[in-house]
Amino acid sequence: MSSFDDVTSLASSRSIHTIVHNDASPLTLSRRKTLSDPLALHHASRDHVYAGLRCSQVTLEDLRTPNRVATPNIIATLPAGKAVVAVKRLKDSAVPWGLAVSGLCNQLLIFDVRYACQPLLELSGHVNSYHTTLAMATSPDDTVVFAGGSDHRLRAWSTVTGEQLRPPPNDRRSVLSMSYRHLVEHVDIAEDLTVRVAAAGDILRFAPHHAHPGT
């Protein structure tokens, strides 16, 4: 599920359902067919939705235009041919035309949405063999991407250089040092760099001193 203003889109079997909810008009529901099951959605604007598909592709859906299931707007394809499980369009101030994409088979990549063939960066060290619900989030300025791993850890990388960011030496309380009891399925980074991590029934809050990764 992803929302922007008064629009919410939900993933379903080989389709996206979009709900428009505002005071000016009645509640409306529309359905768009997709190439395969969408496992990840990101509303970059009210009208534009990025859909990460089980078939390893990312499409850009323009909600203002007719459904193009026969000729989809494919903007990225994972090299290993595995399912896309998280996707986010990055701010142009961080990575112009950048798109962060996470997939099975330990894939975490940065694409240029203008060129679907090859990723700009491959972020090494990500761990995800088969989980479809692991968290992926970015810092408020989109220069750092955080991703939960199948090994119950949280890692971070620069979206600009692709370098993996490390916790401060000997800081066992860092958000990047901990081994969590459960899979990290949600991460939120506030403007002051406070990080909140949700892992099953645990919700942990890390103050900026322990949340901000070092190099």
C-alpha atoms as a PDB file:
ATOM      1  CA  MET A   1       0.000   0.000   0.000  1.00  0.00           C
ATOM      2  CA  SER A   2       1.151   3.549  -0.734  1.00  0.00           C
ATOM      3  CA  SER A   3      -0.534   6.953  -0.419  1.00  0.00           C
ATOM      4  CA  PHE A   4      -0.068  10.519  -1.612  1.00  0.00           C
ATOM      5  CA  ASP A   5      -2.433  13.256  -0.439  1.00  0.00           C
ATOM      6  CA  ASP A   6      -5.973  11.946  -1.002  1.00  0.00           C
ATOM      7  CA  VAL A   7      -4.980   8.946  -3.139  1.00  0.00           C
ATOM      8  CA  THR A   8      -4.199   5.455  -1.838  1.00  0.00           C
ATOM      9  CA  SER A   9      -3.122   2.491  -3.964  1.00  0.00           C
ATOM     10  CA  LEU A  10      -3.206  -1.130  -2.849  1.00  0.00           C
ATOM     11  CA  ALA A  11      -1.569  -4.165  -4.422  1.00  0.00           C
ATOM     12  CA  SER A  12      -3.714  -7.117  -5.412  1.00  0.00           C
ATOM     13  CA  SER A  13      -3.418 -10.179  -7.644  1.00  0.00           C
ATOM     14  CA  ARG A  14      -1.989  -8.892 -10.959  1.00  0.00           C
ATOM     15  CA  SER A  15      -3.557  -5.492 -10.345  1.00  0.00           C
ATOM     16  CA  ILE A  16      -3.468  -2.200  -8.450  1.00  0.00           C
ATOM     17  CA  HIS A  17      -6.575  -0.791  -6.782  1.00  0.00           C
ATOM     18  CA  THR A  18      -6.591   2.987  -6.288  1.00  0.00           C
ATOM     19  CA  ILE A  19      -8.930   4.836  -3.942  1.00  0.00           C
ATOM     20  CA  VAL A  20      -9.507   8.597  -4.134  1.00  0.00           C
ATOM     21  CA  HIS A  21     -10.908   9.985  -0.904  1.00  0.00           C
ATOM     22  CA  ASN A  22     -11.591  13.696  -0.417  1.00  0.00           C
ATOM     23  CA  ASP A  23     -14.392  16.010   0.671  1.00  0.00           C
ATOM     24  CA  ALA A  24     -14.927  17.463  -2.806  1.00  0.00           C
ATOM     25  CA  SER A  25     -16.124  14.247  -4.462  1.00  0.00           C
ATOM     26  CA  PRO A  26     -17.528  10.826  -3.573  1.00  0.00           C
ATOM     27  CA  LEU A  27     -15.151   7.985  -2.785  1.00  0.00           C
ATOM     28  CA  THR A  28     -13.937   6.449  -6.046  1.00  0.00           C
ATOM     29  CA  LEU A  29     -12.205   3.136  -6.745  1.00  0.00           C
ATOM     30  CA  SER A  30     -10.321   2.172  -9.893  1.00  0.00           C
ATOM     31  CA  ARG A  31      -8.382  -0.941 -10.935  1.00  0.00           C
ATOM     32  CA  ARG A  32      -5.330  -1.244 -13.166  1.00  0.00           C
ATOM     33  CA  LYS A  33      -4.057  -4.589 -14.409  1.00  0.00           C
ATOM     34  CA  THR A  34      -0.331  -5.367 -14.162  1.00  0.00           C
ATOM     35  CA  LEU A  35       2.040  -7.842 -15.822  1.00  0.00           C
ATOM     36  CA  SER A  36       2.289  -9.897 -12.638  1.00  0.00           C
ATOM     37  CA  ASP A  37       1.574  -9.519  -8.936  1.00  0.00           C
ATOM     38  CA  PRO A  38       2.717  -6.148  -7.558  1.00  0.00           C
ATOM     39  CA  LEU A  39       4.633  -6.759  -4.319  1.00  0.00           C
ATOM     40  CA  ALA A  40       5.719  -3.142  -3.766  1.00  0.00           C
ATOM     41  CA  LEU A  41       4.164   0.249  -4.514  1.00  0.00           C
ATOM     42  CA  HIS A  42       5.416   3.814  -4.163  1.00  0.00           C
ATOM     43  CA  HIS A  43       3.309   6.906  -4.854  1.00  0.00           C
ATOM     44  CA  ALA A  44       5.900   9.441  -6.016  1.00  0.00           C
ATOM     45  CA  SER A  45       3.102  11.933  -6.672  1.00  0.00           C
ATOM     46  CA  ARG A  46      -0.679  11.971  -6.716  1.00  0.00           C
ATOM     47  CA  ASP A  47      -0.751  10.566 -10.247  1.00  0.00           C
ATOM     48  CA  HIS A  48       2.417   8.460 -10.496  1.00  0.00           C
ATOM     49  CA  VAL A  49       2.829   5.039  -8.884  1.00  0.00           C
ATOM     50  CA  TYR A  50       5.926   2.867  -9.152  1.00  0.00           C
ATOM     51  CA  ALA A  51       5.033  -0.833  -8.994  1.00  0.00           C
ATOM     52  CA  GLY A  52       7.568  -3.539  -8.170  1.00  0.00           C
ATOM     53  CA  LEU A  53       6.416  -6.812  -9.683  1.00  0.00           C
ATOM     54  CA  ARG A  54       6.917 -10.484  -8.930  1.00  0.00           C
ATOM     55  CA  CYS A  55       8.287 -10.910 -12.471  1.00  0.00           C
ATOM     56  CA  SER A  56      11.392  -8.800 -11.558  1.00  0.00           C
ATOM     57  CA  GLN A  57      10.281  -5.584 -13.286  1.00  0.00           C
ATOM     58  CA  VAL A  58       9.314  -2.117 -12.087  1.00  0.00           C
ATOM     59  CA  THR A  59       6.643  -0.228 -13.995  1.00  0.00           C
ATOM     60  CA  LEU A  60       5.543   3.395 -13.782  1.00  0.00           C
ATOM     61  CA  GLU A  61       1.772   3.737 -13.679  1.00  0.00           C
ATOM     62  CA  ASP A  62       0.281   7.115 -14.633  1.00  0.00           C
ATOM     63  CA  LEU A  63      -3.162   7.118 -13.055  1.00  0.00           C
ATOM     64  CA  ARG A  64      -4.361   9.825 -15.452  1.00  0.00           C
ATOM     65  CA  THR A  65      -3.938   7.620 -18.517  1.00  0.00           C
ATOM     66  CA  PRO A  66      -5.607   4.396 -19.697  1.00  0.00           C
ATOM     67  CA  ASN A  67      -4.210   1.115 -18.416  1.00  0.00           C
ATOM     68  CA  ARG A  68      -1.338  -0.133 -20.642  1.00  0.00           C
ATOM     69  CA  VAL A  69      -1.040  -3.737 -19.521  1.00  0.00           C
ATOM     70  CA  ALA A  70      -0.170  -4.882 -23.067  1.00  0.00           C
ATOM     71  CA  THR A  71       2.563  -2.227 -23.420  1.00  0.00           C
ATOM     72  CA  PRO A  72       3.633  -1.344 -19.865  1.00  0.00           C
ATOM     73  CA  ASN A  73       6.051   1.451 -19.053  1.00  0.00           C
ATOM     74  CA  ILE A  74       8.921  -0.696 -17.726  1.00  0.00           C
ATOM     75  CA  ILE A  75      11.580   1.449 -16.082  1.00  0.00           C
ATOM     76  CA  ALA A  76      13.749  -1.166 -14.335  1.00  0.00           C
ATOM     77  CA  THR A  77      14.458  -4.895 -14.418  1.00  0.00           C
ATOM     78  CA  LEU A  78      16.378  -6.761 -11.730  1.00  0.00           C
ATOM     79  CA  PRO A  79      19.466  -8.497 -13.181  1.00  0.00           C
ATOM     80  CA  ALA A  80      18.905 -11.752 -11.264  1.00  0.00           C
ATOM     81  CA  GLY A  81      15.332 -12.051 -12.510  1.00  0.00           C
ATOM     82  CA  LYS A  82      13.789 -12.308  -9.045  1.00  0.00           C
ATOM     83  CA  ALA A  83      10.787 -10.591  -7.476  1.00  0.00           C
ATOM     84  CA  VAL A  84      10.880  -6.886  -6.584  1.00  0.00           C
ATOM     85  CA  VAL A  85       9.900  -6.430  -2.926  1.00  0.00           C
ATOM     86  CA  ALA A  86      10.513  -2.696  -2.329  1.00  0.00           C
ATOM     87  CA  VAL A  87      10.769   0.386  -4.522  1.00  0.00           C
ATOM     88  CA  LYS A  88      11.148   4.116  -3.940  1.00  0.00           C
ATOM     89  CA  ARG A  89      11.710   7.067  -6.268  1.00  0.00           C
ATOM     90  CA  LEU A  90      14.533   9.189  -4.832  1.00  0.00           C
ATOM     91  CA  LYS A  91      14.659  12.960  -4.707  1.00  0.00           C
ATOM     92  CA  ASP A  92      16.484  14.462  -7.675  1.00  0.00           C
ATOM     93  CA  SER A  93      18.586  16.490  -5.226  1.00  0.00           C
ATOM     94  CA  ALA A  94      20.067  13.184  -4.004  1.00  0.00           C
ATOM     95  CA  VAL A  95      20.174  11.070  -7.178  1.00  0.00           C
ATOM     96  CA  PRO A  96      18.739  12.673 -10.328  1.00  0.00           C
ATOM     97  CA  TRP A  97      16.109  10.323 -11.784  1.00  0.00           C
ATOM     98  CA  GLY A  98      17.098   7.811  -9.097  1.00  0.00           C
ATOM     99  CA  LEU A  99      15.051   4.786  -8.065  1.00  0.00           C
ATOM    100  CA  ALA A 100      15.936   2.468  -5.167  1.00  0.00           C
ATOM    101  CA  VAL A 101      14.870  -1.131  -5.776  1.00  0.00           C
ATOM    102  CA  SER A 102      15.109  -4.146  -3.472  1.00  0.00           C
ATOM    103  CA  GLY A 103      14.587  -7.697  -4.647  1.00  0.00           C
ATOM    104  CA  LEU A 104      15.031 -11.324  -3.726  1.00  0.00           C
ATOM    105  CA  CYS A 105      18.419 -13.006  -4.178  1.00  0.00           C
ATOM    106  CA  ASN A 106      20.164 -10.279  -2.111  1.00  0.00           C
ATOM    107  CA  GLN A 107      19.512  -7.507  -4.636  1.00  0.00           C
ATOM    108  CA  LEU A 108      19.549  -3.820  -3.675  1.00  0.00           C
ATOM    109  CA  LEU A 109      20.125  -1.413  -6.536  1.00  0.00           C
ATOM    110  CA  ILE A 110      19.842   2.190  -7.675  1.00  0.00           C
ATOM    111  CA  PHE A 111      18.421   2.752 -11.166  1.00  0.00           C
ATOM    112  CA  ASP A 112      18.070   5.771 -13.423  1.00  0.00           C
ATOM    113  CA  VAL A 113      14.378   5.672 -14.374  1.00  0.00           C
ATOM    114  CA  ARG A 114      15.225   6.871 -17.882  1.00  0.00           C
ATOM    115  CA  TYR A 115      17.263   3.746 -18.624  1.00  0.00           C
ATOM    116  CA  ALA A 116      15.768   0.356 -17.750  1.00  0.00           C
ATOM    117  CA  CYS A 117      18.624  -1.893 -18.836  1.00  0.00           C
ATOM    118  CA  GLN A 118      21.401  -1.462 -16.277  1.00  0.00           C
ATOM    119  CA  PRO A 119      21.438  -0.183 -12.676  1.00  0.00           C
ATOM    120  CA  LEU A 120      23.502   2.837 -11.722  1.00  0.00           C
ATOM    121  CA  LEU A 121      24.711   1.172  -8.519  1.00  0.00           C
ATOM    122  CA  GLU A 122      24.616  -2.288  -6.985  1.00  0.00           C
ATOM    123  CA  LEU A 123      24.646  -2.039  -3.194  1.00  0.00           C
ATOM    124  CA  SER A 124      26.621  -5.027  -1.954  1.00  0.00           C
ATOM    125  CA  GLY A 125      26.026  -6.657   1.409  1.00  0.00           C
ATOM    126  CA  HIS A 126      22.228  -6.797   1.382  1.00  0.00           C
ATOM    127  CA  VAL A 127      20.825 -10.092   2.695  1.00  0.00           C
ATOM    128  CA  ASN A 128      17.452 -11.309   1.417  1.00  0.00           C
ATOM    129  CA  SER A 129      17.010 -14.742  -0.075  1.00  0.00           C
ATOM    130  CA  TYR A 130      13.233 -15.129  -0.018  1.00  0.00           C
ATOM    131  CA  HIS A 131      11.418 -12.649   2.280  1.00  0.00           C
ATOM    132  CA  THR A 132       8.914 -10.279   0.663  1.00  0.00           C
ATOM    133  CA  THR A 133       8.145  -8.047   3.667  1.00  0.00           C
ATOM    134  CA  LEU A 134      11.565  -6.692   4.686  1.00  0.00           C
ATOM    135  CA  ALA A 135      11.799  -2.951   5.250  1.00  0.00           C
ATOM    136  CA  MET A 136      13.405  -0.454   2.908  1.00  0.00           C
ATOM    137  CA  ALA A 137      13.422   3.262   3.731  1.00  0.00           C
ATOM    138  CA  THR A 138      15.527   6.344   3.118  1.00  0.00           C
ATOM    139  CA  SER A 139      16.799   9.275   5.129  1.00  0.00           C
ATOM    140  CA  PRO A 140      14.768  12.500   4.773  1.00  0.00           C
ATOM    141  CA  ASP A 141      17.129  13.763   2.058  1.00  0.00           C
ATOM    142  CA  ASP A 142      17.227  10.354   0.288  1.00  0.00           C
ATOM    143  CA  THR A 143      21.037  10.171   0.433  1.00  0.00           C
ATOM    144  CA  VAL A 144      20.980   7.046   2.627  1.00  0.00           C
ATOM    145  CA  VAL A 145      18.920   3.895   2.117  1.00  0.00           C
ATOM    146  CA  PHE A 146      18.201   1.497   4.990  1.00  0.00           C
ATOM    147  CA  ALA A 147      17.230  -2.130   4.354  1.00  0.00           C
ATOM    148  CA  GLY A 148      16.273  -4.958   6.678  1.00  0.00           C
ATOM    149  CA  GLY A 149      17.923  -8.324   6.093  1.00  0.00           C
ATOM    150  CA  SER A 150      16.899 -11.959   6.364  1.00  0.00           C
ATOM    151  CA  ASP A 151      19.512 -12.222   9.129  1.00  0.00           C
ATOM    152  CA  HIS A 152      17.482  -9.869  11.394  1.00  0.00           C
ATOM    153  CA  ARG A 153      19.863  -6.951  10.890  1.00  0.00           C
ATOM    154  CA  LEU A 154      19.448  -3.460   9.460  1.00  0.00           C
ATOM    155  CA  ARG A 155      22.027  -2.059   7.037  1.00  0.00           C
ATOM    156  CA  ALA A 156      22.551   1.287   5.330  1.00  0.00           C
ATOM    157  CA  TRP A 157      24.203   2.531   2.145  1.00  0.00           C
ATOM    158  CA  SER A 158      24.885   5.826   0.447  1.00  0.00           C
ATOM    159  CA  THR A 159      22.551   6.226  -2.523  1.00  0.00           C
ATOM    160  CA  VAL A 160      25.135   8.532  -4.103  1.00  0.00           C
ATOM    161  CA  THR A 161      28.271   6.340  -3.934  1.00  0.00           C
ATOM    162  CA  GLY A 162      26.858   2.899  -3.144  1.00  0.00           C
ATOM    163  CA  GLU A 163      29.174   2.568  -0.141  1.00  0.00           C
ATOM    164  CA  GLN A 164      27.855   0.580   2.811  1.00  0.00           C
ATOM    165  CA  LEU A 165      27.751   2.704   5.957  1.00  0.00           C
ATOM    166  CA  ARG A 166      29.064   1.282   9.206  1.00  0.00           C
ATOM    167  CA  PRO A 167      28.111   1.952  12.834  1.00  0.00           C
ATOM    168  CA  PRO A 168      30.588   3.813  15.036  1.00  0.00           C
ATOM    169  CA  PRO A 169      33.278   1.505  16.481  1.00  0.00           C
ATOM    170  CA  ASN A 170      32.261  -0.299  19.675  1.00  0.00           C
ATOM    171  CA  ASP A 171      28.753   1.221  19.627  1.00  0.00           C
ATOM    172  CA  ARG A 172      26.617  -1.828  20.331  1.00  0.00           C
ATOM    173  CA  ARG A 173      23.502   0.319  20.682  1.00  0.00           C
ATOM    174  CA  SER A 174      23.636   1.628  17.127  1.00  0.00           C
ATOM    175  CA  VAL A 175      20.637   0.863  14.933  1.00  0.00           C
ATOM    176  CA  LEU A 176      23.109  -0.823  12.551  1.00  0.00           C
ATOM    177  CA  SER A 177      24.855  -2.907  15.224  1.00  0.00           C
ATOM    178  CA  MET A 178      21.893  -4.758  16.665  1.00  0.00           C
ATOM    179  CA  SER A 179      20.635  -8.208  15.833  1.00  0.00           C
ATOM    180  CA  TYR A 180      16.852  -7.915  16.168  1.00  0.00           C
ATOM    181  CA  ARG A 181      14.639 -10.663  17.566  1.00  0.00           C
ATOM    182  CA  HIS A 182      12.439 -10.613  14.479  1.00  0.00           C
ATOM    183  CA  LEU A 183      12.656  -9.535  10.847  1.00  0.00           C
ATOM    184  CA  VAL A 184      12.785  -5.756  10.405  1.00  0.00           C
ATOM    185  CA  GLU A 185       9.624  -5.030   8.417  1.00  0.00           C
ATOM    186  CA  HIS A 186       9.285  -1.282   8.928  1.00  0.00           C
ATOM    187  CA  VAL A 187      11.750   1.582   9.351  1.00  0.00           C
ATOM    188  CA  ASP A 188      10.973   5.272   9.718  1.00  0.00           C
ATOM    189  CA  ILE A 189      13.620   8.013   9.731  1.00  0.00           C
ATOM    190  CA  ALA A 190      12.485  11.373  11.116  1.00  0.00           C
ATOM    191  CA  GLU A 191      13.776  14.789  10.091  1.00  0.00           C
ATOM    192  CA  ASP A 192      15.993  14.882  13.198  1.00  0.00           C
ATOM    193  CA  LEU A 193      17.420  11.447  12.162  1.00  0.00           C
ATOM    194  CA  THR A 194      15.617   9.587  14.924  1.00  0.00           C
ATOM    195  CA  VAL A 195      15.062   6.047  13.625  1.00  0.00           C
ATOM    196  CA  ARG A 196      12.082   3.868  14.546  1.00  0.00           C
ATOM    197  CA  VAL A 197      12.303   0.163  13.813  1.00  0.00           C
ATOM    198  CA  ALA A 198       9.344  -2.232  13.838  1.00  0.00           C
ATOM    199  CA  ALA A 199      10.121  -5.942  14.094  1.00  0.00           C
ATOM    200  CA  ALA A 200       7.049  -8.091  14.808  1.00  0.00           C
ATOM    201  CA  GLY A 201       5.707  -6.831  18.148  1.00  0.00           C
ATOM    202  CA  ASP A 202       8.801  -4.777  18.951  1.00  0.00           C
ATOM    203  CA  ILE A 203       8.964  -1.051  18.192  1.00  0.00           C
ATOM    204  CA  LEU A 204      12.376   0.421  18.937  1.00  0.00           C
ATOM    205  CA  ARG A 205      13.404   4.073  18.856  1.00  0.00           C
ATOM    206  CA  PHE A 206      17.006   5.135  18.266  1.00  0.00           C
ATOM    207  CA  ALA A 207      18.069   8.695  19.053  1.00  0.00           C
ATOM    208  CA  PRO A 208      20.248  10.404  16.410  1.00  0.00           C
ATOM    209  CA  HIS A 209      23.442   9.646  18.365  1.00  0.00           C
ATOM    210  CA  HIS A 210      22.820   5.914  17.885  1.00  0.00           C
ATOM    211  CA  ALA A 211      20.879   6.118  14.628  1.00  0.00           C
ATOM    212  CA  HIS A 212      23.180   8.103  12.363  1.00  0.00           C
ATOM    213  CA  PRO A 213      25.606   5.703  10.640  1.00  0.00           C
ATOM    214  CA  GLY A 214      29.276   6.486  10.430  1.00  0.00           C
ATOM    215  CA  THR A 215      31.563   5.688   7.531  1.00  0.00           C
END
